[in-house]
PDBML (XML) file of the C-alpha atoms, coordinates in Angstrom:
<?xml version="1.0" encoding="UTF-8" ?>
<PDBx:datablock datablockName="MODEL"
   xmlns:PDBx="http://pdbml.pdb.org/schema/pdbx-v50.xsd"
   xmlns:xsi="http://www.w3.org/2001/XMLSchema-instance"
   xsi:schemaLocation="http://pdbml.pdb.org/schema/pdbx-v50.xsd pdbx-v50.xsd">
   <PDBx:atom_siteCategory>
      <PDBx:atom_site id="1">
         <PDBx:B_iso_or_equiv>0.00</PDBx:B_iso_or_equiv>
         <PDBx:Cartn_x>11.562</PDBx:Cartn_x>
         <PDBx:Cartn_y>-25.656</PDBx:Cartn_y>
         <PDBx:Cartn_z>-4.808</PDBx:Cartn_z>
         <PDBx:auth_asym_id>A</PDBx:auth_asym_id>
         <PDBx:auth_atom_id>CA</PDBx:auth_atom_id>
         <PDBx:auth_comp_id>UNK</PDBx:auth_comp_id>
         <PDBx:auth_seq_id>1</PDBx:auth_seq_id>
         <PDBx:group_PDB>ATOM</PDBx:group_PDB>
         <PDBx:label_alt_id xsi:nil="true" />
         <PDBx:label_asym_id>A</PDBx:label_asym_id>
         <PDBx:label_atom_id>CA</PDBx:label_atom_id>
         <PDBx:label_comp_id>UNK</PDBx:label_comp_id>
         <PDBx:label_entity_id>1</PDBx:label_entity_id>
         <PDBx:label_seq_id>1</PDBx:label_seq_id>
         <PDBx:occupancy>1.00</PDBx:occupancy>
         <PDBx:pdbx_PDB_model_num>1</PDBx:pdbx_PDB_model_num>
         <PDBx:type_symbol>C</PDBx:type_symbol>
      </PDBx:atom_site>
      <PDBx:atom_site id="2">
         <PDBx:B_iso_or_equiv>0.00</PDBx:B_iso_or_equiv>
         <PDBx:Cartn_x>9.636</PDBx:Cartn_x>
         <PDBx:Cartn_y>-24.748</PDBx:Cartn_y>
         <PDBx:Cartn_z>-1.649</PDBx:Cartn_z>
         <PDBx:auth_asym_id>A</PDBx:auth_asym_id>
         <PDBx:auth_atom_id>CA</PDBx:auth_atom_id>
         <PDBx:auth_comp_id>UNK</PDBx:auth_comp_id>
         <PDBx:auth_seq_id>2</PDBx:auth_seq_id>
         <PDBx:group_PDB>ATOM</PDBx:group_PDB>
         <PDBx:label_alt_id xsi:nil="true" />
         <PDBx:label_asym_id>A</PDBx:label_asym_id>
         <PDBx:label_atom_id>CA</PDBx:label_atom_id>
         <PDBx:label_comp_id>UNK</PDBx:label_comp_id>
         <PDBx:label_entity_id>1</PDBx:label_entity_id>
         <PDBx:label_seq_id>2</PDBx:label_seq_id>
         <PDBx:occupancy>1.00</PDBx:occupancy>
         <PDBx:pdbx_PDB_model_num>1</PDBx:pdbx_PDB_model_num>
         <PDBx:type_symbol>C</PDBx:type_symbol>
      </PDBx:atom_site>
      <PDBx:atom_site id="3">
         <PDBx:B_iso_or_equiv>0.00</PDBx:B_iso_or_equiv>
         <PDBx:Cartn_x>6.112</PDBx:Cartn_x>
         <PDBx:Cartn_y>-23.483</PDBx:Cartn_y>
         <PDBx:Cartn_z>-0.978</PDBx:Cartn_z>
         <PDBx:auth_asym_id>A</PDBx:auth_asym_id>
         <PDBx:auth_atom_id>CA</PDBx:auth_atom_id>
         <PDBx:auth_comp_id>UNK</PDBx:auth_comp_id>
         <PDBx:auth_seq_id>3</PDBx:auth_seq_id>
         <PDBx:group_PDB>ATOM</PDBx:group_PDB>
         <PDBx:label_alt_id xsi:nil="true" />
         <PDBx:label_asym_id>A</PDBx:label_asym_id>
         <PDBx:label_atom_id>CA</PDBx:label_atom_id>
         <PDBx:label_comp_id>UNK</PDBx:label_comp_id>
         <PDBx:label_entity_id>1</PDBx:label_entity_id>
         <PDBx:label_seq_id>3</PDBx:label_seq_id>
         <PDBx:occupancy>1.00</PDBx:occupancy>
         <PDBx:pdbx_PDB_model_num>1</PDBx:pdbx_PDB_model_num>
         <PDBx:type_symbol>C</PDBx:type_symbol>
      </PDBx:atom_site>
      <PDBx:atom_site id="4">
         <PDBx:B_iso_or_equiv>0.00</PDBx:B_iso_or_equiv>
         <PDBx:Cartn_x>4.282</PDBx:Cartn_x>
         <PDBx:Cartn_y>-21.078</PDBx:Cartn_y>
         <PDBx:Cartn_z>1.330</PDBx:Cartn_z>
         <PDBx:auth_asym_id>A</PDBx:auth_asym_id>
         <PDBx:auth_atom_id>CA</PDBx:auth_atom_id>
         <PDBx:auth_comp_id>UNK</PDBx:auth_comp_id>
         <PDBx:auth_seq_id>4</PDBx:auth_seq_id>
         <PDBx:group_PDB>ATOM</PDBx:group_PDB>
         <PDBx:label_alt_id xsi:nil="true" />
         <PDBx:label_asym_id>A</PDBx:label_asym_id>
         <PDBx:label_atom_id>CA</PDBx:label_atom_id>
         <PDBx:label_comp_id>UNK</PDBx:label_comp_id>
         <PDBx:label_entity_id>1</PDBx:label_entity_id>
         <PDBx:label_seq_id>4</PDBx:label_seq_id>
         <PDBx:occupancy>1.00</PDBx:occupancy>
         <PDBx:pdbx_PDB_model_num>1</PDBx:pdbx_PDB_model_num>
         <PDBx:type_symbol>C</PDBx:type_symbol>
      </PDBx:atom_site>
      <PDBx:atom_site id="5">
         <PDBx:B_iso_or_equiv>0.00</PDBx:B_iso_or_equiv>
         <PDBx:Cartn_x>0.541</PDBx:Cartn_x>
         <PDBx:Cartn_y>-20.659</PDBx:Cartn_y>
         <PDBx:Cartn_z>1.819</PDBx:Cartn_z>
         <PDBx:auth_asym_id>A</PDBx:auth_asym_id>
         <PDBx:auth_atom_id>CA</PDBx:auth_atom_id>
         <PDBx:auth_comp_id>UNK</PDBx:auth_comp_id>
         <PDBx:auth_seq_id>5</PDBx:auth_seq_id>
         <PDBx:group_PDB>ATOM</PDBx:group_PDB>
         <PDBx:label_alt_id xsi:nil="true" />
         <PDBx:label_asym_id>A</PDBx:label_asym_id>
         <PDBx:label_atom_id>CA</PDBx:label_atom_id>
         <PDBx:label_comp_id>UNK</PDBx:label_comp_id>
         <PDBx:label_entity_id>1</PDBx:label_entity_id>
         <PDBx:label_seq_id>5</PDBx:label_seq_id>
         <PDBx:occupancy>1.00</PDBx:occupancy>
         <PDBx:pdbx_PDB_model_num>1</PDBx:pdbx_PDB_model_num>
         <PDBx:type_symbol>C</PDBx:type_symbol>
      </PDBx:atom_site>
      <PDBx:atom_site id="6">
         <PDBx:B_iso_or_equiv>0.00</PDBx:B_iso_or_equiv>
         <PDBx:Cartn_x>0.582</PDBx:Cartn_x>
         <PDBx:Cartn_y>-16.871</PDBx:Cartn_y>
         <PDBx:Cartn_z>2.322</PDBx:Cartn_z>
         <PDBx:auth_asym_id>A</PDBx:auth_asym_id>
         <PDBx:auth_atom_id>CA</PDBx:auth_atom_id>
         <PDBx:auth_comp_id>UNK</PDBx:auth_comp_id>
         <PDBx:auth_seq_id>6</PDBx:auth_seq_id>
         <PDBx:group_PDB>ATOM</PDBx:group_PDB>
         <PDBx:label_alt_id xsi:nil="true" />
         <PDBx:label_asym_id>A</PDBx:label_asym_id>
         <PDBx:label_atom_id>CA</PDBx:label_atom_id>
         <PDBx:label_comp_id>UNK</PDBx:label_comp_id>
         <PDBx:label_entity_id>1</PDBx:label_entity_id>
         <PDBx:label_seq_id>6</PDBx:label_seq_id>
         <PDBx:occupancy>1.00</PDBx:occupancy>
         <PDBx:pdbx_PDB_model_num>1</PDBx:pdbx_PDB_model_num>
         <PDBx:type_symbol>C</PDBx:type_symbol>
      </PDBx:atom_site>
      <PDBx:atom_site id="7">
         <PDBx:B_iso_or_equiv>0.00</PDBx:B_iso_or_equiv>
         <PDBx:Cartn_x>2.839</PDBx:Cartn_x>
         <PDBx:Cartn_y>-13.816</PDBx:Cartn_y>
         <PDBx:Cartn_z>2.223</PDBx:Cartn_z>
         <PDBx:auth_asym_id>A</PDBx:auth_asym_id>
         <PDBx:auth_atom_id>CA</PDBx:auth_atom_id>
         <PDBx:auth_comp_id>UNK</PDBx:auth_comp_id>
         <PDBx:auth_seq_id>7</PDBx:auth_seq_id>
         <PDBx:group_PDB>ATOM</PDBx:group_PDB>
         <PDBx:label_alt_id xsi:nil="true" />
         <PDBx:label_asym_id>A</PDBx:label_asym_id>
         <PDBx:label_atom_id>CA</PDBx:label_atom_id>
         <PDBx:label_comp_id>UNK</PDBx:label_comp_id>
         <PDBx:label_entity_id>1</PDBx:label_entity_id>
         <PDBx:label_seq_id>7</PDBx:label_seq_id>
         <PDBx:occupancy>1.00</PDBx:occupancy>
         <PDBx:pdbx_PDB_model_num>1</PDBx:pdbx_PDB_model_num>
         <PDBx:type_symbol>C</PDBx:type_symbol>
      </PDBx:atom_site>
      <PDBx:atom_site id="8">
         <PDBx:B_iso_or_equiv>0.00</PDBx:B_iso_or_equiv>
         <PDBx:Cartn_x>3.557</PDBx:Cartn_x>
         <PDBx:Cartn_y>-13.871</PDBx:Cartn_y>
         <PDBx:Cartn_z>5.957</PDBx:Cartn_z>
         <PDBx:auth_asym_id>A</PDBx:auth_asym_id>
         <PDBx:auth_atom_id>CA</PDBx:auth_atom_id>
         <PDBx:auth_comp_id>UNK</PDBx:auth_comp_id>
         <PDBx:auth_seq_id>8</PDBx:auth_seq_id>
         <PDBx:group_PDB>ATOM</PDBx:group_PDB>
         <PDBx:label_alt_id xsi:nil="true" />
         <PDBx:label_asym_id>A</PDBx:label_asym_id>
         <PDBx:label_atom_id>CA</PDBx:label_atom_id>
         <PDBx:label_comp_id>UNK</PDBx:label_comp_id>
         <PDBx:label_entity_id>1</PDBx:label_entity_id>
         <PDBx:label_seq_id>8</PDBx:label_seq_id>
         <PDBx:occupancy>1.00</PDBx:occupancy>
         <PDBx:pdbx_PDB_model_num>1</PDBx:pdbx_PDB_model_num>
         <PDBx:type_symbol>C</PDBx:type_symbol>
      </PDBx:atom_site>
      <PDBx:atom_site id="9">
         <PDBx:B_iso_or_equiv>0.00</PDBx:B_iso_or_equiv>
         <PDBx:Cartn_x>4.841</PDBx:Cartn_x>
         <PDBx:Cartn_y>-17.449</PDBx:Cartn_y>
         <PDBx:Cartn_z>5.727</PDBx:Cartn_z>
         <PDBx:auth_asym_id>A</PDBx:auth_asym_id>
         <PDBx:auth_atom_id>CA</PDBx:auth_atom_id>
         <PDBx:auth_comp_id>UNK</PDBx:auth_comp_id>
         <PDBx:auth_seq_id>9</PDBx:auth_seq_id>
         <PDBx:group_PDB>ATOM</PDBx:group_PDB>
         <PDBx:label_alt_id xsi:nil="true" />
         <PDBx:label_asym_id>A</PDBx:label_asym_id>
         <PDBx:label_atom_id>CA</PDBx:label_atom_id>
         <PDBx:label_comp_id>UNK</PDBx:label_comp_id>
         <PDBx:label_entity_id>1</PDBx:label_entity_id>
         <PDBx:label_seq_id>9</PDBx:label_seq_id>
         <PDBx:occupancy>1.00</PDBx:occupancy>
         <PDBx:pdbx_PDB_model_num>1</PDBx:pdbx_PDB_model_num>
         <PDBx:type_symbol>C</PDBx:type_symbol>
      </PDBx:atom_site>
      <PDBx:atom_site id="10">
         <PDBx:B_iso_or_equiv>0.00</PDBx:B_iso_or_equiv>
         <PDBx:Cartn_x>6.929</PDBx:Cartn_x>
         <PDBx:Cartn_y>-16.499</PDBx:Cartn_y>
         <PDBx:Cartn_z>2.691</PDBx:Cartn_z>
         <PDBx:auth_asym_id>A</PDBx:auth_asym_id>
         <PDBx:auth_atom_id>CA</PDBx:auth_atom_id>
         <PDBx:auth_comp_id>UNK</PDBx:auth_comp_id>
         <PDBx:auth_seq_id>10</PDBx:auth_seq_id>
         <PDBx:group_PDB>ATOM</PDBx:group_PDB>
         <PDBx:label_alt_id xsi:nil="true" />
         <PDBx:label_asym_id>A</PDBx:label_asym_id>
         <PDBx:label_atom_id>CA</PDBx:label_atom_id>
         <PDBx:label_comp_id>UNK</PDBx:label_comp_id>
         <PDBx:label_entity_id>1</PDBx:label_entity_id>
         <PDBx:label_seq_id>10</PDBx:label_seq_id>
         <PDBx:occupancy>1.00</PDBx:occupancy>
         <PDBx:pdbx_PDB_model_num>1</PDBx:pdbx_PDB_model_num>
         <PDBx:type_symbol>C</PDBx:type_symbol>
      </PDBx:atom_site>
      <PDBx:atom_site id="11">
         <PDBx:B_iso_or_equiv>0.00</PDBx:B_iso_or_equiv>
         <PDBx:Cartn_x>8.591</PDBx:Cartn_x>
         <PDBx:Cartn_y>-13.619</PDBx:Cartn_y>
         <PDBx:Cartn_z>4.554</PDBx:Cartn_z>
         <PDBx:auth_asym_id>A</PDBx:auth_asym_id>
         <PDBx:auth_atom_id>CA</PDBx:auth_atom_id>
         <PDBx:auth_comp_id>UNK</PDBx:auth_comp_id>
         <PDBx:auth_seq_id>11</PDBx:auth_seq_id>
         <PDBx:group_PDB>ATOM</PDBx:group_PDB>
         <PDBx:label_alt_id xsi:nil="true" />
         <PDBx:label_asym_id>A</PDBx:label_asym_id>
         <PDBx:label_atom_id>CA</PDBx:label_atom_id>
         <PDBx:label_comp_id>UNK</PDBx:label_comp_id>
         <PDBx:label_entity_id>1</PDBx:label_entity_id>
         <PDBx:label_seq_id>11</PDBx:label_seq_id>
         <PDBx:occupancy>1.00</PDBx:occupancy>
         <PDBx:pdbx_PDB_model_num>1</PDBx:pdbx_PDB_model_num>
         <PDBx:type_symbol>C</PDBx:type_symbol>
      </PDBx:atom_site>
      <PDBx:atom_site id="12">
         <PDBx:B_iso_or_equiv>0.00</PDBx:B_iso_or_equiv>
         <PDBx:Cartn_x>9.352</PDBx:Cartn_x>
         <PDBx:Cartn_y>-15.964</PDBx:Cartn_y>
         <PDBx:Cartn_z>7.471</PDBx:Cartn_z>
         <PDBx:auth_asym_id>A</PDBx:auth_asym_id>
         <PDBx:auth_atom_id>CA</PDBx:auth_atom_id>
         <PDBx:auth_comp_id>UNK</PDBx:auth_comp_id>
         <PDBx:auth_seq_id>12</PDBx:auth_seq_id>
         <PDBx:group_PDB>ATOM</PDBx:group_PDB>
         <PDBx:label_alt_id xsi:nil="true" />
         <PDBx:label_asym_id>A</PDBx:label_asym_id>
         <PDBx:label_atom_id>CA</PDBx:label_atom_id>
         <PDBx:label_comp_id>UNK</PDBx:label_comp_id>
         <PDBx:label_entity_id>1</PDBx:label_entity_id>
         <PDBx:label_seq_id>12</PDBx:label_seq_id>
         <PDBx:occupancy>1.00</PDBx:occupancy>
         <PDBx:pdbx_PDB_model_num>1</PDBx:pdbx_PDB_model_num>
         <PDBx:type_symbol>C</PDBx:type_symbol>
      </PDBx:atom_site>
      <PDBx:atom_site id="13">
         <PDBx:B_iso_or_equiv>0.00</PDBx:B_iso_or_equiv>
         <PDBx:Cartn_x>11.060</PDBx:Cartn_x>
         <PDBx:Cartn_y>-18.359</PDBx:Cartn_y>
         <PDBx:Cartn_z>5.052</PDBx:Cartn_z>
         <PDBx:auth_asym_id>A</PDBx:auth_asym_id>
         <PDBx:auth_atom_id>CA</PDBx:auth_atom_id>
         <PDBx:auth_comp_id>UNK</PDBx:auth_comp_id>
         <PDBx:auth_seq_id>13</PDBx:auth_seq_id>
         <PDBx:group_PDB>ATOM</PDBx:group_PDB>
         <PDBx:label_alt_id xsi:nil="true" />
         <PDBx:label_asym_id>A</PDBx:label_asym_id>
         <PDBx:label_atom_id>CA</PDBx:label_atom_id>
         <PDBx:label_comp_id>UNK</PDBx:label_comp_id>
         <PDBx:label_entity_id>1</PDBx:label_entity_id>
         <PDBx:label_seq_id>13</PDBx:label_seq_id>
         <PDBx:occupancy>1.00</PDBx:occupancy>
         <PDBx:pdbx_PDB_model_num>1</PDBx:pdbx_PDB_model_num>
         <PDBx:type_symbol>C</PDBx:type_symbol>
      </PDBx:atom_site>
      <PDBx:atom_site id="14">
         <PDBx:B_iso_or_equiv>0.00</PDBx:B_iso_or_equiv>
         <PDBx:Cartn_x>13.251</PDBx:Cartn_x>
         <PDBx:Cartn_y>-15.505</PDBx:Cartn_y>
         <PDBx:Cartn_z>3.791</PDBx:Cartn_z>
         <PDBx:auth_asym_id>A</PDBx:auth_asym_id>
         <PDBx:auth_atom_id>CA</PDBx:auth_atom_id>
         <PDBx:auth_comp_id>UNK</PDBx:auth_comp_id>
         <PDBx:auth_seq_id>14</PDBx:auth_seq_id>
         <PDBx:group_PDB>ATOM</PDBx:group_PDB>
         <PDBx:label_alt_id xsi:nil="true" />
         <PDBx:label_asym_id>A</PDBx:label_asym_id>
         <PDBx:label_atom_id>CA</PDBx:label_atom_id>
         <PDBx:label_comp_id>UNK</PDBx:label_comp_id>
         <PDBx:label_entity_id>1</PDBx:label_entity_id>
         <PDBx:label_seq_id>14</PDBx:label_seq_id>
         <PDBx:occupancy>1.00</PDBx:occupancy>
         <PDBx:pdbx_PDB_model_num>1</PDBx:pdbx_PDB_model_num>
         <PDBx:type_symbol>C</PDBx:type_symbol>
      </PDBx:atom_site>
      <PDBx:atom_site id="15">
         <PDBx:B_iso_or_equiv>0.00</PDBx:B_iso_or_equiv>
         <PDBx:Cartn_x>14.507</PDBx:Cartn_x>
         <PDBx:Cartn_y>-15.026</PDBx:Cartn_y>
         <PDBx:Cartn_z>7.348</PDBx:Cartn_z>
         <PDBx:auth_asym_id>A</PDBx:auth_asym_id>
         <PDBx:auth_atom_id>CA</PDBx:auth_atom_id>
         <PDBx:auth_comp_id>UNK</PDBx:auth_comp_id>
         <PDBx:auth_seq_id>15</PDBx:auth_seq_id>
         <PDBx:group_PDB>ATOM</PDBx:group_PDB>
         <PDBx:label_alt_id xsi:nil="true" />
         <PDBx:label_asym_id>A</PDBx:label_asym_id>
         <PDBx:label_atom_id>CA</PDBx:label_atom_id>
         <PDBx:label_comp_id>UNK</PDBx:label_comp_id>
         <PDBx:label_entity_id>1</PDBx:label_entity_id>
         <PDBx:label_seq_id>15</PDBx:label_seq_id>
         <PDBx:occupancy>1.00</PDBx:occupancy>
         <PDBx:pdbx_PDB_model_num>1</PDBx:pdbx_PDB_model_num>
         <PDBx:type_symbol>C</PDBx:type_symbol>
      </PDBx:atom_site>
      <PDBx:atom_site id="16">
         <PDBx:B_iso_or_equiv>0.00</PDBx:B_iso_or_equiv>
         <PDBx:Cartn_x>15.959</PDBx:Cartn_x>
         <PDBx:Cartn_y>-18.538</PDBx:Cartn_y>
         <PDBx:Cartn_z>7.230</PDBx:Cartn_z>
         <PDBx:auth_asym_id>A</PDBx:auth_asym_id>
         <PDBx:auth_atom_id>CA</PDBx:auth_atom_id>
         <PDBx:auth_comp_id>UNK</PDBx:auth_comp_id>
         <PDBx:auth_seq_id>16</PDBx:auth_seq_id>
         <PDBx:group_PDB>ATOM</PDBx:group_PDB>
         <PDBx:label_alt_id xsi:nil="true" />
         <PDBx:label_asym_id>A</PDBx:label_asym_id>
         <PDBx:label_atom_id>CA</PDBx:label_atom_id>
         <PDBx:label_comp_id>UNK</PDBx:label_comp_id>
         <PDBx:label_entity_id>1</PDBx:label_entity_id>
         <PDBx:label_seq_id>16</PDBx:label_seq_id>
         <PDBx:occupancy>1.00</PDBx:occupancy>
         <PDBx:pdbx_PDB_model_num>1</PDBx:pdbx_PDB_model_num>
         <PDBx:type_symbol>C</PDBx:type_symbol>
      </PDBx:atom_site>
      <PDBx:atom_site id="17">
         <PDBx:B_iso_or_equiv>0.00</PDBx:B_iso_or_equiv>
         <PDBx:Cartn_x>16.973</PDBx:Cartn_x>
         <PDBx:Cartn_y>-18.881</PDBx:Cartn_y>
         <PDBx:Cartn_z>3.588</PDBx:Cartn_z>
         <PDBx:auth_asym_id>A</PDBx:auth_asym_id>
         <PDBx:auth_atom_id>CA</PDBx:auth_atom_id>
         <PDBx:auth_comp_id>UNK</PDBx:auth_comp_id>
         <PDBx:auth_seq_id>17</PDBx:auth_seq_id>
         <PDBx:group_PDB>ATOM</PDBx:group_PDB>
         <PDBx:label_alt_id xsi:nil="true" />
         <PDBx:label_asym_id>A</PDBx:label_asym_id>
         <PDBx:label_atom_id>CA</PDBx:label_atom_id>
         <PDBx:label_comp_id>UNK</PDBx:label_comp_id>
         <PDBx:label_entity_id>1</PDBx:label_entity_id>
         <PDBx:label_seq_id>17</PDBx:label_seq_id>
         <PDBx:occupancy>1.00</PDBx:occupancy>
         <PDBx:pdbx_PDB_model_num>1</PDBx:pdbx_PDB_model_num>
         <PDBx:type_symbol>C</PDBx:type_symbol>
      </PDBx:atom_site>
      <PDBx:atom_site id="18">
         <PDBx:B_iso_or_equiv>0.00</PDBx:B_iso_or_equiv>
         <PDBx:Cartn_x>17.375</PDBx:Cartn_x>
         <PDBx:Cartn_y>-17.108</PDBx:Cartn_y>
         <PDBx:Cartn_z>0.236</PDBx:Cartn_z>
         <PDBx:auth_asym_id>A</PDBx:auth_asym_id>
         <PDBx:auth_atom_id>CA</PDBx:auth_atom_id>
         <PDBx:auth_comp_id>UNK</PDBx:auth_comp_id>
         <PDBx:auth_seq_id>18</PDBx:auth_seq_id>
         <PDBx:group_PDB>ATOM</PDBx:group_PDB>
         <PDBx:label_alt_id xsi:nil="true" />
         <PDBx:label_asym_id>A</PDBx:label_asym_id>
         <PDBx:label_atom_id>CA</PDBx:label_atom_id>
         <PDBx:label_comp_id>UNK</PDBx:label_comp_id>
         <PDBx:label_entity_id>1</PDBx:label_entity_id>
         <PDBx:label_seq_id>18</PDBx:label_seq_id>
         <PDBx:occupancy>1.00</PDBx:occupancy>
         <PDBx:pdbx_PDB_model_num>1</PDBx:pdbx_PDB_model_num>
         <PDBx:type_symbol>C</PDBx:type_symbol>
      </PDBx:atom_site>
      <PDBx:atom_site id="19">
         <PDBx:B_iso_or_equiv>0.00</PDBx:B_iso_or_equiv>
         <PDBx:Cartn_x>15.455</PDBx:Cartn_x>
         <PDBx:Cartn_y>-17.649</PDBx:Cartn_y>
         <PDBx:Cartn_z>-2.984</PDBx:Cartn_z>
         <PDBx:auth_asym_id>A</PDBx:auth_asym_id>
         <PDBx:auth_atom_id>CA</PDBx:auth_atom_id>
         <PDBx:auth_comp_id>UNK</PDBx:auth_comp_id>
         <PDBx:auth_seq_id>19</PDBx:auth_seq_id>
         <PDBx:group_PDB>ATOM</PDBx:group_PDB>
         <PDBx:label_alt_id xsi:nil="true" />
         <PDBx:label_asym_id>A</PDBx:label_asym_id>
         <PDBx:label_atom_id>CA</PDBx:label_atom_id>
         <PDBx:label_comp_id>UNK</PDBx:label_comp_id>
         <PDBx:label_entity_id>1</PDBx:label_entity_id>
         <PDBx:label_seq_id>19</PDBx:label_seq_id>
         <PDBx:occupancy>1.00</PDBx:occupancy>
         <PDBx:pdbx_PDB_model_num>1</PDBx:pdbx_PDB_model_num>
         <PDBx:type_symbol>C</PDBx:type_symbol>
      </PDBx:atom_site>
      <PDBx:atom_site id="20">
         <PDBx:B_iso_or_equiv>0.00</PDBx:B_iso_or_equiv>
         <PDBx:Cartn_x>16.396</PDBx:Cartn_x>
         <PDBx:Cartn_y>-16.452</PDBx:Cartn_y>
         <PDBx:Cartn_z>-6.443</PDBx:Cartn_z>
         <PDBx:auth_asym_id>A</PDBx:auth_asym_id>
         <PDBx:auth_atom_id>CA</PDBx:auth_atom_id>
         <PDBx:auth_comp_id>UNK</PDBx:auth_comp_id>
         <PDBx:auth_seq_id>20</PDBx:auth_seq_id>
         <PDBx:group_PDB>ATOM</PDBx:group_PDB>
         <PDBx:label_alt_id xsi:nil="true" />
         <PDBx:label_asym_id>A</PDBx:label_asym_id>
         <PDBx:label_atom_id>CA</PDBx:label_atom_id>
         <PDBx:label_comp_id>UNK</PDBx:label_comp_id>
         <PDBx:label_entity_id>1</PDBx:label_entity_id>
         <PDBx:label_seq_id>20</PDBx:label_seq_id>
         <PDBx:occupancy>1.00</PDBx:occupancy>
         <PDBx:pdbx_PDB_model_num>1</PDBx:pdbx_PDB_model_num>
         <PDBx:type_symbol>C</PDBx:type_symbol>
      </PDBx:atom_site>
      <PDBx:atom_site id="21">
         <PDBx:B_iso_or_equiv>0.00</PDBx:B_iso_or_equiv>
         <PDBx:Cartn_x>12.775</PDBx:Cartn_x>
         <PDBx:Cartn_y>-16.574</PDBx:Cartn_y>
         <PDBx:Cartn_z>-7.707</PDBx:Cartn_z>
         <PDBx:auth_asym_id>A</PDBx:auth_asym_id>
         <PDBx:auth_atom_id>CA</PDBx:auth_atom_id>
         <PDBx:auth_comp_id>UNK</PDBx:auth_comp_id>
         <PDBx:auth_seq_id>21</PDBx:auth_seq_id>
         <PDBx:group_PDB>ATOM</PDBx:group_PDB>
         <PDBx:label_alt_id xsi:nil="true" />
         <PDBx:label_asym_id>A</PDBx:label_asym_id>
         <PDBx:label_atom_id>CA</PDBx:label_atom_id>
         <PDBx:label_comp_id>UNK</PDBx:label_comp_id>
         <PDBx:label_entity_id>1</PDBx:label_entity_id>
         <PDBx:label_seq_id>21</PDBx:label_seq_id>
         <PDBx:occupancy>1.00</PDBx:occupancy>
         <PDBx:pdbx_PDB_model_num>1</PDBx:pdbx_PDB_model_num>
         <PDBx:type_symbol>C</PDBx:type_symbol>
      </PDBx:atom_site>
      <PDBx:atom_site id="22">
         <PDBx:B_iso_or_equiv>0.00</PDBx:B_iso_or_equiv>
         <PDBx:Cartn_x>9.374</PDBx:Cartn_x>
         <PDBx:Cartn_y>-16.161</PDBx:Cartn_y>
         <PDBx:Cartn_z>-6.075</PDBx:Cartn_z>
         <PDBx:auth_asym_id>A</PDBx:auth_asym_id>
         <PDBx:auth_atom_id>CA</PDBx:auth_atom_id>
         <PDBx:auth_comp_id>UNK</PDBx:auth_comp_id>
         <PDBx:auth_seq_id>22</PDBx:auth_seq_id>
         <PDBx:group_PDB>ATOM</PDBx:group_PDB>
         <PDBx:label_alt_id xsi:nil="true" />
         <PDBx:label_asym_id>A</PDBx:label_asym_id>
         <PDBx:label_atom_id>CA</PDBx:label_atom_id>
         <PDBx:label_comp_id>UNK</PDBx:label_comp_id>
         <PDBx:label_entity_id>1</PDBx:label_entity_id>
         <PDBx:label_seq_id>22</PDBx:label_seq_id>
         <PDBx:occupancy>1.00</PDBx:occupancy>
         <PDBx:pdbx_PDB_model_num>1</PDBx:pdbx_PDB_model_num>
         <PDBx:type_symbol>C</PDBx:type_symbol>
      </PDBx:atom_site>
      <PDBx:atom_site id="23">
         <PDBx:B_iso_or_equiv>0.00</PDBx:B_iso_or_equiv>
         <PDBx:Cartn_x>6.155</PDBx:Cartn_x>
         <PDBx:Cartn_y>-17.119</PDBx:Cartn_y>
         <PDBx:Cartn_z>-7.878</PDBx:Cartn_z>
         <PDBx:auth_asym_id>A</PDBx:auth_asym_id>
         <PDBx:auth_atom_id>CA</PDBx:auth_atom_id>
         <PDBx:auth_comp_id>UNK</PDBx:auth_comp_id>
         <PDBx:auth_seq_id>23</PDBx:auth_seq_id>
         <PDBx:group_PDB>ATOM</PDBx:group_PDB>
         <PDBx:label_alt_id xsi:nil="true" />
         <PDBx:label_asym_id>A</PDBx:label_asym_id>
         <PDBx:label_atom_id>CA</PDBx:label_atom_id>
         <PDBx:label_comp_id>UNK</PDBx:label_comp_id>
         <PDBx:label_entity_id>1</PDBx:label_entity_id>
         <PDBx:label_seq_id>23</PDBx:label_seq_id>
         <PDBx:occupancy>1.00</PDBx:occupancy>
         <PDBx:pdbx_PDB_model_num>1</PDBx:pdbx_PDB_model_num>
         <PDBx:type_symbol>C</PDBx:type_symbol>
      </PDBx:atom_site>
      <PDBx:atom_site id="24">
         <PDBx:B_iso_or_equiv>0.00</PDBx:B_iso_or_equiv>
         <PDBx:Cartn_x>3.301</PDBx:Cartn_x>
         <PDBx:Cartn_y>-15.470</PDBx:Cartn_y>
         <PDBx:Cartn_z>-5.990</PDBx:Cartn_z>
         <PDBx:auth_asym_id>A</PDBx:auth_asym_id>
         <PDBx:auth_atom_id>CA</PDBx:auth_atom_id>
         <PDBx:auth_comp_id>UNK</PDBx:auth_comp_id>
         <PDBx:auth_seq_id>24</PDBx:auth_seq_id>
         <PDBx:group_PDB>ATOM</PDBx:group_PDB>
         <PDBx:label_alt_id xsi:nil="true" />
         <PDBx:label_asym_id>A</PDBx:label_asym_id>
         <PDBx:label_atom_id>CA</PDBx:label_atom_id>
         <PDBx:label_comp_id>UNK</PDBx:label_comp_id>
         <PDBx:label_entity_id>1</PDBx:label_entity_id>
         <PDBx:label_seq_id>24</PDBx:label_seq_id>
         <PDBx:occupancy>1.00</PDBx:occupancy>
         <PDBx:pdbx_PDB_model_num>1</PDBx:pdbx_PDB_model_num>
         <PDBx:type_symbol>C</PDBx:type_symbol>
      </PDBx:atom_site>
   </PDBx:atom_siteCategory>
</PDBx:datablock>
């Protein structure tokens, strides 16, 4: 389980890893 404070940070995380579920 990881977190991001906004959508831009979330998209940056997807460049480094993969998530099966996003709760936004």
